[in-house]
Amino acid sequence: MDAVLLLNQGFELAAVKAALSAAGARASPMHPGIQDETLARYFELSLDAADGPAADAVLARLREHPAVDAAYLKPAGEAPG
């Protein structure tokens, strides 16, 4: 499942490292090497939880962290129509 983590302004990924580990999640920059402060706050998440309800629970726990602005599953893409 593709998931996204957005940090609150002024926080770095290190602030949520323990929470990610406890949740069975790993984060990598969505825009590596970017200098833009807004885009640098976005991360792609890899979740150990494979099914929807378990993944939702992990994301809900991450959203409780003060450094996290948002954590959500990416919506499925649609074919152009």
Protein backbone atom coordinates (compact mmCIF):
# COMPACT_ATOMS: atom_id res chain seq x y z
CA MET A 1 0.00 0.00 0.00
CA ASP A 2 1.28 3.43 -0.87
CA ALA A 3 1.14 5.86 2.01
CA VAL A 4 2.29 9.43 2.59
CA LEU A 5 3.70 11.16 5.66
CA LEU A 6 3.67 14.96 5.89
CA LEU A 7 5.62 16.54 8.72
CA ASN A 8 4.66 19.76 10.42
CA GLN A 9 6.81 22.74 9.48
CA GLY A 10 10.01 22.91 11.50
CA PHE A 11 10.27 19.15 12.16
CA GLU A 12 12.66 16.66 10.59
CA LEU A 13 12.18 12.96 10.03
CA ALA A 14 14.40 12.16 13.04
CA ALA A 15 11.60 13.54 15.27
CA VAL A 16 9.33 10.63 14.30
CA LYS A 17 11.93 7.87 13.88
CA ALA A 18 10.90 6.01 17.06
CA ALA A 19 7.20 6.29 16.18
CA LEU A 20 7.85 4.95 12.68
CA SER A 21 9.84 2.04 14.03
CA ALA A 22 7.18 1.18 16.62
CA ALA A 23 4.51 1.31 13.91
CA GLY A 24 6.45 -0.95 11.55
CA ALA A 25 6.86 1.81 8.99
CA ARG A 26 9.79 3.20 7.04
CA ALA A 27 9.92 6.61 5.38
CA SER A 28 11.87 7.89 2.41
CA PRO A 29 11.79 11.40 0.96
CA MET A 30 9.17 11.86 -1.72
CA HIS A 31 11.34 14.54 -3.36
CA PRO A 32 14.96 13.62 -2.55
CA GLY A 33 17.48 16.44 -2.71
CA ILE A 34 14.83 19.15 -3.07
CA GLN A 35 15.55 22.49 -1.43
CA ASP A 36 11.91 23.60 -1.26
CA GLU A 37 10.87 23.61 2.42
CA THR A 38 7.29 22.58 1.66
CA LEU A 39 8.12 19.63 -0.60
CA ALA A 40 10.88 18.45 1.75
CA ARG A 41 8.21 17.71 4.38
CA TYR A 42 6.65 14.90 2.28
CA PHE A 43 7.74 11.27 2.67
CA GLU A 44 6.66 7.98 1.13
CA LEU A 45 5.86 5.35 3.72
CA SER A 46 6.43 1.62 3.51
CA LEU A 47 4.14 -0.15 5.93
CA ASP A 48 4.57 -3.65 7.34
CA ALA A 49 0.78 -3.76 7.70
CA ALA A 50 -0.48 -5.20 4.43
CA ASP A 51 -4.25 -4.89 4.79
CA GLY A 52 -6.44 -1.81 4.92
CA PRO A 53 -7.60 -1.87 8.56
CA ALA A 54 -4.09 -2.57 9.92
CA ALA A 55 -2.58 0.14 7.72
CA ASP A 56 -5.28 2.59 8.81
CA ALA A 57 -4.44 1.86 12.46
CA VAL A 58 -0.73 2.51 11.85
CA LEU A 59 -1.48 5.79 10.09
CA ALA A 60 -3.85 6.86 12.88
CA ARG A 61 -1.08 6.28 15.46
CA LEU A 62 1.36 8.33 13.39
CA ARG A 63 -1.16 11.20 13.09
CA GLU A 64 -1.16 11.46 16.90
CA HIS A 65 2.54 12.44 16.89
CA PRO A 66 3.09 16.21 17.33
CA ALA A 67 5.57 16.31 14.42
CA VAL A 68 3.07 14.78 11.97
CA ASP A 69 0.75 17.01 9.99
CA ALA A 70 -0.77 14.15 7.96
CA ALA A 71 -0.38 10.43 7.34
CA TYR A 72 -2.66 8.80 4.78
CA LEU A 73 -2.99 6.13 2.11
CA LYS A 74 -2.55 7.46 -1.38
CA PRO A 75 -5.77 7.21 -3.36
CA ALA A 76 -5.73 4.70 -6.19
CA GLY A 77 -5.02 6.20 -9.58
CA GLU A 78 -7.64 6.23 -12.30
CA ALA A 79 -7.23 5.74 -16.00
CA PRO A 80 -7.82 8.87 -18.07
CA GLY A 81 -11.32 8.90 -19.36
